[in-house]
Amino acid sequence: MILNKYHFTKKLSLRNTDILIYHKWPLIILTIVMIVGFSTSIYLYMLDKYSLLYYGDAVSHLVRAREFVDSARPGLLEQIGTGWLPLPHLLILPTALVDPLFKSGFAGTAISLPCFAITSVLIYRIIKAQININYIAVTGTLLYALNWNIIYLGIIPMTESPFMLFFVASAYYLQKWYLNSYNHYYLEPIKYNLQRTSIRSLYLPIQLIDLLKCSFFISLATLCRYEAWIIPIFLVLFVLVSIIRRNGITDYGIKFKALAILVSVLSFSGIVLWISYNAYYYGDPLRFSNAVYWSAAYQAIVGTNRIHLYLQPLNVAAIYTITAVTIYGPVLLIAGIIGYVSQRRYDSKETKRNKNILLYIFFSLPPTVTVLSMVLGIAEMNQRWFNSRFLILLSPLIVLSVSILIARLPKGIKKSHFYLLSTIGILFVYQFVTPALGFVVTFLEARHFISSGTRPFSIKAAEALTSKYNGGRILIITGSAQQNNIIQQSGIPLRNFDTILEGNTWNPSFKKPWLYNKYIIISKEADPSAANVSRYWLHRQQQLSKYFDIVYENKYYRIMTHKQNPTPIGCMLYR
């Protein structure tokens, strides 16, 4: 009853228009982002039906998700794999089972776009709580939501959009917990003639709910991207320091302190779950970090970019800065830096610790991990925009700093609608100009994948396979990335593919494929995960020719069909 009276009194003190705006703008932002994102996805698909699948990883994410149900060995443990964290694949699974969505890439849009839209709403609420000026919160949100580099990542089947949702949601609830703990209503109940103990007994569970939600979303973020693995450490340390230093909470007793710490420790649950799975299924709790072919460290070591980044912080800083300027524009980045500096100078004059520093630190954690990973040789970037998508992790920090700068503008500018709108308009110029100039680098990076290497030829091979397929099993020896491209584009059920990689040469269908498969697809330049097994049968084509005819061949791929001899083996094969 006490809490209800408080919230009712608080609402009465607000103007009706303020209440209406508070509830109206999140819905408006959600609608704008959904419309812009869906319209963009339709427009890109009409230009090129592969536009939502340009990233090779986008195709692989769809295939991995569908393999939980549709594969030769379906099942969660059998198909969850290692290297990639599992949650994005589980989220995409329902839409990936719909054939038209799976083949077009809209299966990813159906998940990524709502995540992108909700993230935008949460950014609005975060800025509104920090600054409490509605037009600034809307401006900051649109600077995020109308950046075309972010929009493209928000409509394709990649991990960035779900991760940003869970990351920003955890920041939102951490901010709520932090700000509510300083609520003077609870720290000064005497003016309301209420008992301090009765207030605390009702309020503390509510306060911990926000911290629990924060831990929950952090755990989900840690199951999306490894950049989030530093966040639980920060949360536990922050809660410990807050409990020790906060006068208003030190009187709550050991029970509350222990409960708050326990709730914060729950943020490690995603990490514990993933390590436990790797220990159980692979016998190595750190399999995801050292797996040959699949781990990020292995990819970086065999890649060509590590030599320019490993233990070279100046090179890392240069490529990261260049990419950031290209994605956000120099004006927005400079405005963000000025906003941060001006805020810190303002805070230094205040006697209280500033509430913004918490979000600054929190939002900087994943980008910091990215930079350190490049210095340590685990992550890659280059000036051809490879992995430019990593810079999306920097976006909440930038828009928060820019929003603070707008709030700190001189009164003369803020009082003049012309000067204020002109100043805000300048911040949007770059992101509106970049599509016209064809300089949306996340899109350029993705388009490079589909126009280079084996990718164009894998699409042609998939089309040839579809035209010739009339049932039966397909042995595919190409390596993981290439096989995913062919499988996804063929439209053939995944359970009909017999995939051979370096680790499963024990499979009888690899040793005597004519006994088990009606079709064979071999890559002449297979991915490292199937390079040796591909060469094995390429060098024994004469033996295969006894049982199979070559029906299609291009620069990279060879497709063969069984001769269909009327023998007992043939009857077993085609029944």
Protein backbone atom coordinates (compact mmCIF):
# COMPACT_ATOMS: atom_id res chain seq x y z
CA MET A 1 0.00 0.00 0.00
CA ILE A 2 2.84 2.38 0.81
CA LEU A 3 4.46 1.84 -2.58
CA ASN A 4 1.16 2.24 -4.41
CA LYS A 5 0.51 5.53 -2.61
CA TYR A 6 3.98 6.74 -3.51
CA HIS A 7 3.71 5.93 -7.19
CA PHE A 8 0.21 7.39 -7.36
CA THR A 9 1.40 10.62 -5.71
CA LYS A 10 4.39 10.75 -8.05
CA LYS A 11 2.19 10.41 -11.11
CA LEU A 12 -0.13 13.14 -9.90
CA SER A 13 2.83 15.48 -9.64
CA LEU A 14 3.58 15.05 -13.33
CA ARG A 15 1.82 16.96 -16.02
CA ASN A 16 -0.56 14.89 -18.11
CA THR A 17 1.38 15.77 -21.24
CA ASP A 18 4.59 14.44 -19.73
CA ILE A 19 2.92 11.13 -18.91
CA LEU A 20 1.52 10.92 -22.42
CA ILE A 21 4.91 11.63 -23.99
CA TYR A 22 6.61 9.05 -21.76
CA HIS A 23 4.32 6.33 -23.06
CA LYS A 24 3.93 7.61 -26.61
CA TRP A 25 7.51 7.99 -27.81
CA PRO A 26 8.69 4.41 -27.19
CA LEU A 27 5.82 3.19 -29.37
CA ILE A 28 6.61 5.79 -32.02
CA ILE A 29 10.29 4.81 -32.04
CA LEU A 30 9.43 1.12 -32.20
CA THR A 31 7.12 1.73 -35.15
CA ILE A 32 9.64 3.92 -37.02
CA VAL A 33 12.45 1.39 -36.66
CA MET A 34 10.25 -1.54 -37.69
CA ILE A 35 8.99 0.31 -40.77
CA VAL A 36 12.44 1.54 -41.81
CA GLY A 37 14.04 -1.86 -41.23
CA PHE A 38 11.36 -3.88 -43.01
CA SER A 39 11.22 -1.45 -45.93
CA THR A 40 15.00 -1.62 -46.26
CA SER A 41 15.00 -5.41 -46.25
CA ILE A 42 12.30 -5.53 -48.96
CA TYR A 43 14.13 -2.92 -51.05
CA LEU A 44 17.46 -4.77 -50.81
CA TYR A 45 15.83 -8.11 -51.60
CA MET A 46 14.21 -6.67 -54.71
CA LEU A 47 17.61 -5.37 -55.85
CA ASP A 48 19.30 -8.70 -55.16
CA LYS A 49 17.69 -11.80 -53.69
CA TYR A 50 20.96 -12.61 -51.92
CA SER A 51 21.29 -9.19 -50.25
CA LEU A 52 20.23 -10.45 -46.80
CA LEU A 53 22.72 -13.30 -47.13
CA TYR A 54 25.82 -11.46 -48.29
CA TYR A 55 27.71 -12.33 -45.14
CA GLY A 56 28.96 -15.90 -45.27
CA ASP A 57 28.36 -16.13 -41.52
CA ALA A 58 24.72 -15.11 -42.06
CA VAL A 59 24.17 -18.24 -44.15
CA SER A 60 26.03 -20.40 -41.65
CA HIS A 61 23.94 -19.07 -38.75
CA LEU A 62 20.75 -20.03 -40.58
CA VAL A 63 22.04 -23.51 -41.38
CA ARG A 64 23.29 -24.07 -37.84
CA ALA A 65 19.91 -23.04 -36.43
CA ARG A 66 17.95 -25.36 -38.73
CA GLU A 67 20.27 -28.30 -38.07
CA PHE A 68 18.84 -28.60 -34.56
CA VAL A 69 15.74 -30.12 -36.19
CA ASP A 70 16.53 -30.78 -39.86
CA SER A 71 19.79 -32.71 -40.24
CA ALA A 72 21.15 -36.23 -40.49
CA ARG A 73 21.81 -36.09 -36.73
CA PRO A 74 19.24 -33.71 -35.22
CA GLY A 75 19.37 -32.69 -31.59
CA LEU A 76 20.52 -29.88 -29.34
CA LEU A 77 23.74 -31.44 -28.07
CA GLU A 78 24.61 -32.92 -31.45
CA GLN A 79 24.32 -29.68 -33.40
CA ILE A 80 25.09 -26.89 -30.94
CA GLY A 81 28.78 -27.05 -31.88
CA THR A 82 31.56 -24.95 -30.40
CA GLY A 83 33.22 -21.67 -31.28
CA TRP A 84 29.98 -19.84 -31.96
CA LEU A 85 27.84 -19.18 -28.91
CA PRO A 86 24.44 -20.93 -29.10
CA LEU A 87 21.73 -18.40 -28.24
CA PRO A 88 21.43 -16.61 -31.64
CA HIS A 89 20.90 -19.96 -33.35
CA LEU A 90 18.21 -20.96 -30.87
CA LEU A 91 16.43 -17.64 -31.43
CA ILE A 92 16.45 -18.03 -35.22
CA LEU A 93 15.38 -21.69 -35.15
CA PRO A 94 11.57 -21.14 -35.42
CA THR A 95 11.83 -18.88 -38.48
CA ALA A 96 14.66 -20.92 -40.05
CA LEU A 97 12.26 -23.89 -40.27
CA VAL A 98 10.05 -21.93 -42.70
CA ASP A 99 11.50 -22.73 -46.14
CA PRO A 100 10.81 -19.39 -47.92
CA LEU A 101 12.23 -17.43 -44.96
CA PHE A 102 15.20 -19.76 -44.68
CA LYS A 103 16.19 -19.52 -48.34
CA SER A 104 15.64 -15.76 -48.69
CA GLY A 105 17.26 -14.72 -45.41
CA PHE A 106 14.08 -13.18 -44.00
CA ALA A 107 14.29 -15.78 -41.24
CA GLY A 108 17.03 -13.58 -39.81
CA THR A 109 15.08 -10.37 -40.40
CA ALA A 110 12.15 -11.76 -38.41
CA ILE A 111 14.42 -12.02 -35.35
CA SER A 112 17.04 -9.31 -35.82
CA LEU A 113 14.65 -6.48 -36.69
CA PRO A 114 12.49 -6.72 -33.52
CA CYS A 115 15.70 -6.94 -31.48
CA PHE A 116 16.97 -3.80 -33.22
CA ALA A 117 13.69 -1.94 -32.63
CA ILE A 118 13.48 -2.85 -28.94
CA THR A 119 17.12 -1.86 -28.46
CA SER A 120 16.28 1.57 -29.88
CA VAL A 121 13.44 1.95 -27.37
CA LEU A 122 15.75 1.00 -24.50
CA ILE A 123 18.33 3.56 -25.64
CA TYR A 124 15.57 6.17 -25.58
CA ARG A 125 14.65 5.22 -22.02
CA ILE A 126 18.29 5.27 -20.90
CA ILE A 127 18.93 8.75 -22.29
CA LYS A 128 15.58 10.00 -20.95
CA ALA A 129 16.51 8.79 -17.46
CA GLN A 130 19.92 10.46 -17.69
CA ILE A 131 18.90 13.82 -19.14
CA ASN A 132 15.08 13.94 -18.77
CA ILE A 133 14.65 16.08 -21.89
CA ASN A 134 12.46 14.32 -24.40
CA TYR A 135 13.73 15.81 -27.67
CA ILE A 136 17.32 14.97 -26.68
CA ALA A 137 16.38 11.38 -25.91
CA VAL A 138 14.61 11.09 -29.27
CA THR A 139 17.59 12.64 -31.07
CA GLY A 140 20.08 10.28 -29.46
CA THR A 141 17.89 7.29 -30.24
CA LEU A 142 17.47 8.22 -33.90
CA LEU A 143 21.21 8.75 -34.24
CA TYR A 144 21.47 5.06 -33.39
CA ALA A 145 18.39 3.75 -35.17
CA LEU A 146 18.88 5.62 -38.47
CA ASN A 147 22.54 4.74 -38.96
CA TRP A 148 22.51 2.62 -42.12
CA ASN A 149 25.48 0.56 -41.03
CA ILE A 150 23.50 -0.48 -37.96
CA ILE A 151 20.25 -0.87 -39.91
CA TYR A 152 21.81 -3.43 -42.24
CA LEU A 153 23.09 -5.47 -39.30
CA GLY A 154 19.60 -5.16 -37.80
CA ILE A 155 17.87 -6.96 -40.68
CA ILE A 156 20.17 -9.91 -41.39
CA PRO A 157 20.76 -13.24 -39.59
CA MET A 158 23.85 -12.20 -37.65
CA THR A 159 24.58 -12.11 -33.92
CA GLU A 160 24.98 -8.35 -33.50
CA SER A 161 21.31 -7.43 -33.21
CA PRO A 162 20.36 -9.96 -30.49
CA PHE A 163 23.54 -9.15 -28.60
CA MET A 164 22.85 -5.40 -28.67
CA LEU A 165 19.35 -6.03 -27.30
CA PHE A 166 20.61 -8.00 -24.30
CA PHE A 167 23.58 -5.69 -23.76
CA VAL A 168 21.53 -2.48 -23.77
CA ALA A 169 18.73 -4.11 -21.74
CA SER A 170 21.22 -5.06 -19.03
CA ALA A 171 22.51 -1.45 -19.00
CA TYR A 172 18.94 -0.16 -18.72
CA TYR A 173 18.13 -2.30 -15.67
CA LEU A 174 21.49 -1.63 -14.05
CA GLN A 175 20.77 2.08 -14.39
CA LYS A 176 17.31 1.59 -12.84
CA TRP A 177 18.77 -0.31 -9.90
CA TYR A 178 21.49 2.29 -9.38
CA LEU A 179 19.18 5.32 -9.61
CA ASN A 180 16.39 3.81 -7.51
CA SER A 181 18.80 3.06 -4.69
CA TYR A 182 19.33 6.82 -4.37
CA ASN A 183 15.65 7.64 -4.26
CA HIS A 184 15.23 10.20 -1.49
CA TYR A 185 11.74 8.97 -0.78
CA TYR A 186 13.20 5.83 0.71
CA LEU A 187 16.23 7.46 2.26
CA GLU A 188 14.19 10.24 3.90
CA PRO A 189 10.84 8.65 4.89
CA ILE A 190 10.41 10.89 7.94
CA LYS A 191 8.77 13.65 5.89
CA TYR A 192 6.03 11.14 4.99
CA ASN A 193 5.57 10.05 8.63
CA LEU A 194 6.29 6.47 7.66
CA GLN A 195 8.42 3.86 9.34
CA ARG A 196 11.82 3.32 7.73
CA THR A 197 11.73 -0.43 8.33
CA SER A 198 8.31 -0.89 6.76
CA ILE A 199 9.39 0.99 3.65
CA ARG A 200 12.53 -1.02 3.28
CA SER A 201 10.75 -4.31 3.75
CA LEU A 202 8.51 -3.48 0.80
CA TYR A 203 11.04 -1.69 -1.37
CA LEU A 204 14.10 -3.93 -1.21
CA PRO A 205 12.59 -6.85 -3.16
CA ILE A 206 11.51 -4.43 -5.90
CA GLN A 207 14.98 -2.90 -6.03
CA LEU A 208 16.58 -6.33 -6.39
CA ILE A 209 14.22 -7.23 -9.23
CA ASP A 210 15.95 -4.61 -11.41
CA LEU A 211 19.33 -6.07 -10.47
CA LEU A 212 18.01 -9.57 -11.21
CA LYS A 213 16.82 -8.46 -14.65
CA CYS A 214 20.21 -6.91 -15.28
CA SER A 215 21.94 -10.20 -14.40
CA PHE A 216 19.50 -12.14 -16.56
CA PHE A 217 20.14 -10.03 -19.66
CA ILE A 218 23.90 -10.08 -19.08
CA SER A 219 23.80 -13.88 -18.99
CA LEU A 220 21.90 -13.84 -22.30
CA ALA A 221 24.47 -11.44 -23.77
CA THR A 222 27.29 -13.79 -22.74
CA LEU A 223 25.57 -16.53 -24.76
CA CYS A 224 25.57 -14.30 -27.87
CA ARG A 225 29.06 -12.83 -28.11
CA TYR A 226 32.30 -13.28 -26.18
CA GLU A 227 32.74 -9.51 -25.85
CA ALA A 228 30.13 -9.70 -23.08
CA TRP A 229 32.17 -12.02 -20.89
CA ILE A 230 33.83 -9.13 -19.10
CA ILE A 231 30.48 -7.64 -18.04
CA PRO A 232 29.62 -10.11 -15.21
CA ILE A 233 32.99 -9.35 -13.61
CA PHE A 234 32.22 -5.63 -13.74
CA LEU A 235 28.71 -6.14 -12.35
CA VAL A 236 29.80 -8.13 -9.31
CA LEU A 237 32.58 -5.67 -8.50
CA PHE A 238 30.24 -2.72 -8.97
CA VAL A 239 27.60 -4.21 -6.67
CA LEU A 240 30.22 -4.93 -4.03
CA VAL A 241 31.58 -1.38 -4.16
CA SER A 242 28.07 0.12 -4.19
CA ILE A 243 27.02 -1.81 -1.11
CA ILE A 244 30.16 -0.85 0.76
CA ARG A 245 30.13 2.85 -0.13
CA ARG A 246 26.41 3.64 -0.13
CA ASN A 247 25.29 5.03 3.22
CA GLY A 248 21.66 4.45 2.45
CA ILE A 249 22.21 0.75 2.02
CA THR A 250 24.79 -0.11 4.65
CA ASP A 251 22.01 -0.24 7.26
CA TYR A 252 20.05 -2.86 5.34
CA GLY A 253 21.89 -5.71 6.97
CA ILE A 254 23.91 -8.70 5.90
CA LYS A 255 20.88 -10.49 4.43
CA PHE A 256 20.23 -7.81 1.84
CA LYS A 257 23.92 -7.43 1.00
CA ALA A 258 24.33 -11.18 0.50
CA LEU A 259 21.21 -11.34 -1.62
CA ALA A 260 22.36 -8.46 -3.83
CA ILE A 261 25.75 -10.09 -4.36
CA LEU A 262 24.11 -13.43 -5.13
CA VAL A 263 21.83 -11.82 -7.70
CA SER A 264 24.80 -10.16 -9.39
CA VAL A 265 26.72 -13.46 -9.46
CA LEU A 266 23.85 -14.97 -11.47
CA SER A 267 25.14 -12.95 -14.43
CA PHE A 268 27.86 -15.60 -14.76
CA SER A 269 25.27 -18.33 -15.47
CA GLY A 270 25.60 -18.07 -19.26
CA ILE A 271 29.37 -18.44 -19.11
CA VAL A 272 29.12 -21.36 -16.68
CA LEU A 273 26.56 -23.05 -18.92
CA TRP A 274 28.75 -22.74 -22.02
CA ILE A 275 31.91 -23.93 -20.28
CA SER A 276 29.99 -26.85 -18.75
CA TYR A 277 28.63 -27.89 -22.15
CA ASN A 278 32.10 -27.87 -23.71
CA ALA A 279 33.46 -29.90 -20.78
CA TYR A 280 30.64 -32.44 -21.04
CA TYR A 281 30.43 -32.85 -24.81
CA TYR A 282 34.06 -32.33 -25.87
CA GLY A 283 35.91 -33.16 -22.67
CA ASP A 284 37.52 -29.73 -22.75
CA PRO A 285 35.87 -26.80 -20.94
CA LEU A 286 37.80 -24.32 -23.13
CA ARG A 287 37.19 -26.12 -26.41
CA PHE A 288 35.48 -23.03 -27.85
CA SER A 289 38.69 -21.02 -27.46
CA ASN A 290 41.17 -23.47 -28.96
CA ALA A 291 39.18 -25.60 -31.41
CA VAL A 292 40.96 -26.05 -34.72
CA TYR A 293 38.99 -24.46 -37.62
CA TRP A 294 36.21 -23.09 -35.38
CA SER A 295 37.73 -20.82 -32.73
CA ALA A 296 38.32 -17.11 -33.28
CA ALA A 297 41.96 -17.55 -32.27
CA TYR A 298 42.51 -20.17 -34.97
CA GLN A 299 40.79 -18.02 -37.61
CA ALA A 300 43.01 -15.07 -36.69
CA ILE A 301 46.20 -17.15 -36.73
CA VAL A 302 45.57 -18.55 -40.22
CA GLY A 303 44.28 -15.19 -41.48
CA THR A 304 46.31 -12.48 -43.14
CA ASN A 305 45.47 -9.58 -40.81
CA ARG A 306 47.06 -10.75 -37.58
CA ILE A 307 50.56 -9.83 -38.67
CA HIS A 308 49.56 -6.16 -38.76
CA LEU A 309 47.71 -6.18 -35.43
CA TYR A 310 49.32 -8.62 -33.00
CA LEU A 311 51.07 -6.67 -30.20
CA GLN A 312 50.88 -3.51 -32.30
CA PRO A 313 48.48 -1.20 -30.41
CA LEU A 314 49.14 1.78 -32.68
CA ASN A 315 48.07 -0.19 -35.76
CA VAL A 316 45.02 -1.47 -33.89
CA ALA A 317 44.10 2.05 -32.77
CA ALA A 318 44.52 3.35 -36.33
CA ILE A 319 42.31 0.76 -38.02
CA TYR A 320 39.69 0.97 -35.25
CA THR A 321 39.58 4.77 -35.46
CA ILE A 322 39.39 4.82 -39.27
CA THR A 323 36.51 2.33 -39.21
CA ALA A 324 34.71 4.29 -36.48
CA VAL A 325 35.00 7.53 -38.45
CA THR A 326 33.68 5.78 -41.55
CA ILE A 327 30.67 4.27 -39.78
CA TYR A 328 29.63 7.21 -37.59
CA GLY A 329 31.15 10.17 -39.40
CA PRO A 330 33.72 12.65 -38.06
CA VAL A 331 31.12 15.14 -36.80
CA LEU A 332 29.32 12.60 -34.63
CA LEU A 333 32.55 11.19 -33.21
CA ILE A 334 33.94 14.64 -32.40
CA ALA A 335 30.61 15.61 -30.83
CA GLY A 336 30.74 12.46 -28.71
CA ILE A 337 34.27 13.23 -27.50
CA ILE A 338 33.34 16.82 -26.67
CA GLY A 339 30.21 15.62 -24.87
CA TYR A 340 32.21 13.22 -22.75
CA VAL A 341 34.89 15.80 -21.88
CA SER A 342 32.33 18.48 -21.03
CA GLN A 343 30.42 16.07 -18.83
CA ARG A 344 33.52 15.02 -16.93
CA ARG A 345 34.50 18.67 -16.36
CA TYR A 346 30.98 19.40 -15.11
CA ASP A 347 31.08 16.37 -12.82
CA SER A 348 34.37 17.44 -11.26
CA LYS A 349 32.61 20.50 -9.84
CA GLU A 350 29.88 18.40 -8.23
CA THR A 351 30.12 16.99 -4.74
CA LYS A 352 28.14 13.85 -5.64
CA ARG A 353 29.40 11.05 -7.80
CA ASN A 354 27.86 11.35 -11.22
CA LYS A 355 25.32 8.85 -12.45
CA ASN A 356 26.66 8.97 -16.04
CA ILE A 357 30.03 7.43 -15.23
CA LEU A 358 28.36 4.06 -14.63
CA LEU A 359 26.98 3.93 -18.18
CA TYR A 360 30.21 5.25 -19.67
CA ILE A 361 32.13 2.37 -18.12
CA PHE A 362 29.45 -0.20 -18.87
CA PHE A 363 29.07 0.76 -22.54
CA SER A 364 32.84 0.85 -23.04
CA LEU A 365 33.42 -2.75 -21.90
CA PRO A 366 32.65 -4.70 -25.13
CA PRO A 367 34.53 -2.23 -27.41
CA THR A 368 37.51 -2.46 -25.06
CA VAL A 369 37.45 -6.24 -25.32
CA THR A 370 37.41 -5.96 -29.12
CA VAL A 371 40.48 -3.70 -29.15
CA LEU A 372 42.37 -5.89 -26.67
CA SER A 373 41.47 -9.00 -28.68
CA MET A 374 43.04 -7.49 -31.79
CA VAL A 375 46.19 -6.54 -29.87
CA LEU A 376 46.40 -10.10 -28.51
CA GLY A 377 45.92 -11.58 -31.97
CA ILE A 378 42.47 -13.10 -31.36
CA ALA A 379 40.33 -10.75 -33.47
CA GLU A 380 40.85 -9.30 -36.95
CA MET A 381 40.05 -6.10 -38.83
CA ASN A 382 41.48 -4.42 -41.91
CA GLN A 383 41.06 -1.31 -44.03
CA ARG A 384 38.91 -3.20 -46.55
CA TRP A 385 36.19 -3.07 -43.88
CA PHE A 386 36.65 -6.68 -42.81
CA ASN A 387 34.81 -7.04 -39.49
CA SER A 388 33.71 -3.41 -39.58
CA ARG A 389 30.55 -4.71 -37.89
CA PHE A 390 32.52 -4.86 -34.62
CA LEU A 391 32.09 -1.08 -34.38
CA ILE A 392 28.35 -1.42 -33.68
CA LEU A 393 29.37 -2.16 -30.08
CA LEU A 394 30.55 1.44 -29.78
CA SER A 395 27.20 2.98 -30.74
CA PRO A 396 25.50 3.29 -27.28
CA LEU A 397 28.54 5.08 -25.88
CA ILE A 398 28.60 7.53 -28.79
CA VAL A 399 24.90 8.43 -28.76
CA LEU A 400 24.93 8.86 -24.96
CA SER A 401 27.88 11.28 -25.15
CA VAL A 402 26.32 13.21 -28.04
CA SER A 403 23.04 13.48 -26.13
CA ILE A 404 24.90 14.94 -23.16
CA LEU A 405 26.58 17.45 -25.46
CA ILE A 406 23.19 18.60 -26.76
CA ALA A 407 22.02 19.06 -23.18
CA ARG A 408 25.14 21.16 -22.48
CA LEU A 409 24.68 23.48 -25.47
CA PRO A 410 24.68 27.22 -24.67
CA LYS A 411 21.30 28.64 -23.75
CA GLY A 412 21.35 30.92 -26.78
CA ILE A 413 21.35 27.91 -29.11
CA LYS A 414 18.73 25.98 -27.16
CA LYS A 415 16.36 28.94 -27.02
CA SER A 416 16.47 29.42 -30.80
CA HIS A 417 14.56 26.74 -32.71
CA PHE A 418 16.52 27.54 -35.85
CA TYR A 419 19.96 27.17 -34.26
CA LEU A 420 18.94 24.11 -32.26
CA LEU A 421 17.44 22.28 -35.24
CA SER A 422 20.41 23.24 -37.40
CA THR A 423 22.84 21.90 -34.81
CA ILE A 424 20.93 18.63 -34.48
CA GLY A 425 20.55 18.38 -38.27
CA ILE A 426 24.32 18.56 -38.73
CA LEU A 427 24.66 15.41 -36.61
CA PHE A 428 22.43 13.50 -39.04
CA VAL A 429 24.01 14.71 -42.30
CA TYR A 430 26.68 12.01 -42.58
CA GLN A 431 24.43 9.02 -42.04
CA PHE A 432 21.91 10.34 -44.55
CA VAL A 433 24.63 10.99 -47.14
CA THR A 434 26.45 7.65 -46.86
CA PRO A 435 23.77 5.56 -48.68
CA ALA A 436 23.75 8.02 -51.57
CA LEU A 437 27.52 7.75 -51.79
CA GLY A 438 27.36 3.95 -51.56
CA PHE A 439 29.54 4.00 -48.47
CA VAL A 440 27.67 1.87 -45.95
CA VAL A 441 30.71 -0.15 -44.96
CA THR A 442 28.95 -3.03 -43.19
CA PHE A 443 27.02 -3.56 -46.43
CA LEU A 444 30.20 -3.23 -48.51
CA GLU A 445 31.95 -5.76 -46.29
CA ALA A 446 29.07 -8.19 -46.67
CA ARG A 447 28.82 -7.72 -50.45
CA HIS A 448 32.52 -8.49 -50.78
CA PHE A 449 31.90 -11.98 -49.40
CA ILE A 450 29.33 -12.92 -52.03
CA SER A 451 31.34 -11.55 -54.95
CA SER A 452 34.72 -13.07 -54.14
CA GLY A 453 36.36 -16.45 -53.77
CA THR A 454 34.22 -19.56 -54.10
CA ARG A 455 30.91 -17.91 -53.14
CA PRO A 456 29.57 -17.08 -56.66
CA PHE A 457 30.48 -20.58 -57.85
CA SER A 458 28.88 -22.23 -54.82
CA ILE A 459 25.59 -20.52 -55.71
CA LYS A 460 25.82 -21.87 -59.27
CA ALA A 461 26.63 -25.32 -57.93
CA ALA A 462 23.60 -25.16 -55.63
CA GLU A 463 21.37 -24.22 -58.57
CA ALA A 464 22.78 -27.10 -60.63
CA LEU A 465 22.23 -29.55 -57.77
CA THR A 466 18.63 -28.40 -57.34
CA SER A 467 17.89 -28.88 -61.04
CA LYS A 468 19.25 -32.43 -61.05
CA TYR A 469 18.12 -33.65 -57.65
CA ASN A 470 15.34 -36.25 -57.53
CA GLY A 471 15.78 -37.74 -54.08
CA GLY A 472 18.53 -39.59 -52.26
CA ARG A 473 21.49 -38.75 -50.04
CA ILE A 474 24.14 -36.22 -51.03
CA LEU A 475 27.77 -36.55 -49.95
CA ILE A 476 29.24 -33.04 -49.69
CA ILE A 477 32.98 -32.52 -49.22
CA THR A 478 33.67 -28.81 -49.35
CA GLY A 479 34.35 -27.56 -45.82
CA SER A 480 31.90 -25.95 -43.45
CA ALA A 481 31.42 -22.47 -44.95
CA GLN A 482 31.13 -23.69 -48.55
CA GLN A 483 28.80 -26.53 -47.67
CA ASN A 484 26.52 -24.16 -45.77
CA ASN A 485 26.24 -21.91 -48.85
CA ILE A 486 25.34 -24.84 -51.08
CA ILE A 487 22.95 -26.45 -48.60
CA GLN A 488 21.12 -23.20 -47.85
CA GLN A 489 20.68 -22.18 -51.48
CA SER A 490 19.75 -25.64 -52.81
CA GLY A 491 16.43 -25.76 -50.95
CA ILE A 492 16.97 -29.48 -50.33
CA PRO A 493 16.18 -30.71 -46.78
CA LEU A 494 19.30 -30.66 -44.65
CA ARG A 495 18.76 -34.23 -43.47
CA ASN A 496 19.56 -35.45 -47.00
CA PHE A 497 23.11 -34.12 -46.85
CA ASP A 498 25.98 -36.30 -45.64
CA THR A 499 28.67 -33.80 -44.67
CA ILE A 500 32.30 -34.87 -44.39
CA LEU A 501 34.88 -32.78 -42.54
CA GLU A 502 38.37 -33.51 -41.25
CA GLY A 503 37.04 -34.85 -37.99
CA ASN A 504 34.65 -37.51 -39.33
CA THR A 505 36.66 -39.50 -41.86
CA TRP A 506 35.67 -42.54 -39.81
CA ASN A 507 32.26 -42.30 -41.46
CA PRO A 508 31.69 -45.36 -43.73
CA SER A 509 30.09 -43.11 -46.35
CA PHE A 510 33.44 -41.35 -46.75
CA LYS A 511 35.37 -44.55 -47.36
CA LYS A 512 32.82 -46.09 -49.74
CA PRO A 513 30.48 -43.29 -50.84
CA TRP A 514 28.91 -45.36 -53.64
CA LEU A 515 27.23 -47.57 -51.05
CA TYR A 516 25.47 -44.73 -49.25
CA ASN A 517 25.03 -41.70 -51.50
CA LYS A 518 23.32 -40.91 -54.76
CA TYR A 519 25.16 -37.63 -55.30
CA ILE A 520 28.63 -36.29 -54.51
CA ILE A 521 29.74 -32.66 -54.39
CA ILE A 522 33.46 -32.01 -54.05
CA SER A 523 35.24 -28.67 -53.79
CA LYS A 524 38.49 -28.29 -55.69
CA GLU A 525 39.61 -25.70 -53.13
CA ALA A 526 37.88 -26.76 -49.94
CA ASP A 527 37.87 -24.84 -46.67
CA PRO A 528 40.60 -25.89 -44.20
CA SER A 529 38.00 -27.95 -42.31
CA ALA A 530 37.80 -30.35 -45.31
CA ALA A 531 40.98 -29.67 -47.29
CA ASN A 532 42.56 -33.09 -46.77
CA VAL A 533 39.41 -35.17 -47.29
CA SER A 534 38.62 -33.22 -50.45
CA ARG A 535 42.09 -33.85 -51.89
CA TYR A 536 41.74 -37.54 -50.98
CA TRP A 537 38.87 -38.12 -53.42
CA LEU A 538 39.99 -35.58 -56.00
CA HIS A 539 43.12 -37.70 -56.42
CA ARG A 540 40.96 -40.83 -56.72
CA GLN A 541 38.52 -39.58 -59.31
CA GLN A 542 39.17 -42.69 -61.41
CA GLN A 543 37.84 -44.88 -58.62
CA LEU A 544 34.76 -42.69 -58.20
CA SER A 545 34.13 -42.77 -61.95
CA LYS A 546 33.36 -46.48 -61.69
CA TYR A 547 30.19 -45.61 -59.78
CA PHE A 548 29.45 -41.94 -60.54
CA ASP A 549 29.08 -39.72 -63.60
CA ILE A 550 30.13 -36.06 -63.54
CA VAL A 551 27.00 -34.06 -64.37
CA TYR A 552 28.18 -30.55 -63.50
CA GLU A 553 31.52 -28.85 -63.03
CA ASN A 554 32.76 -25.29 -62.64
CA LYS A 555 35.98 -23.65 -61.47
CA TYR A 556 35.58 -24.81 -57.87
CA TYR A 557 32.98 -27.59 -57.71
CA ARG A 558 32.26 -31.00 -59.22
CA ILE A 559 28.86 -32.69 -58.92
CA MET A 560 28.48 -36.41 -59.60
CA THR A 561 25.46 -38.74 -59.69
CA HIS A 562 25.38 -42.50 -59.18
CA LYS A 563 25.26 -44.61 -62.31
CA GLN A 564 22.22 -46.37 -60.84
CA ASN A 565 23.23 -49.93 -61.67
CA PRO A 566 20.35 -52.38 -61.06
CA THR A 567 22.21 -54.23 -58.30
CA PRO A 568 21.23 -55.04 -54.72
CA ILE A 569 23.35 -52.07 -53.63
CA GLY A 570 21.49 -49.80 -56.03
CA CYS A 571 18.13 -51.05 -54.71
CA MET A 572 19.26 -50.33 -51.17
CA LEU A 573 20.45 -46.88 -52.18
CA TYR A 574 17.28 -45.64 -53.89
CA ARG A 575 14.50 -47.38 -51.99
